[in-house]
Amino acid sequence: MRELALHLLDLLQNSAEAGADQVDLSIEEDPARDALRLVVTDNGRGMDAETRRRVLDPFFTTRKTRPVGLGLPLFEAAARRCNGGLEIESAPGAGTTVTATFQRSNIDRAPLGDLPTTLAVFLAGHAGLDLRYRHRLGDRGFVFDSRAVHERLGEVGFDHPLVADWVKGHLSEALANLQKG
């Protein structure tokens, strides 16, 4: 995949399909250590030991819509190519945490991509799922918590075009401010 945002979207989709109603996305950029860390944690049904053992096999999937499960193997390959790795913690009934690490400056590292659009589209397609997104760059950062937005919106969902545009614009502005310093 050309953007890390697409790998993150795949993980978020996995969380939703696992029945999660709360997903945390954490992005930590540490220029001093030349490190990038992406973490997705959900409260979905989790994986048993056999599924966790096989989940990085590209010919294994729990989905019924296709015979292969390329998302996690491709994400792991992208991380390893950039002097990083991928770790999965999961247990039945306890949710799943996927952590990918990268050498931040590695020439082979894909850009983060269009996170605001990716997250706005994900939220629009998953009513009833809460997303907490934390992004740190060095000692600065921001948090977006969809629960706070839900409280203010009342019955209006993230699939409303004005809300989706607001989410995208809000996250774009937060990321631009983070990059400016």
Foldseek 3Di string as FASTA:
>chain_A
DQAVLVLVLVVLVVQVVLVFQEKEWEWEAEVVQQKIKIKIWTQGQWDAPVCQVCVLPQQDDPDPPDRGRCSVVVQQVLLVVQVWGWDWDTHGRRTIMIMGMGRNPRPSHRHNPQNQLSVLVSQLVRPSHWYWYWYYHHPDIDIDTVVVVCVVVPPDGSVPVVNSVVSSVVVVVRVVVRVVD
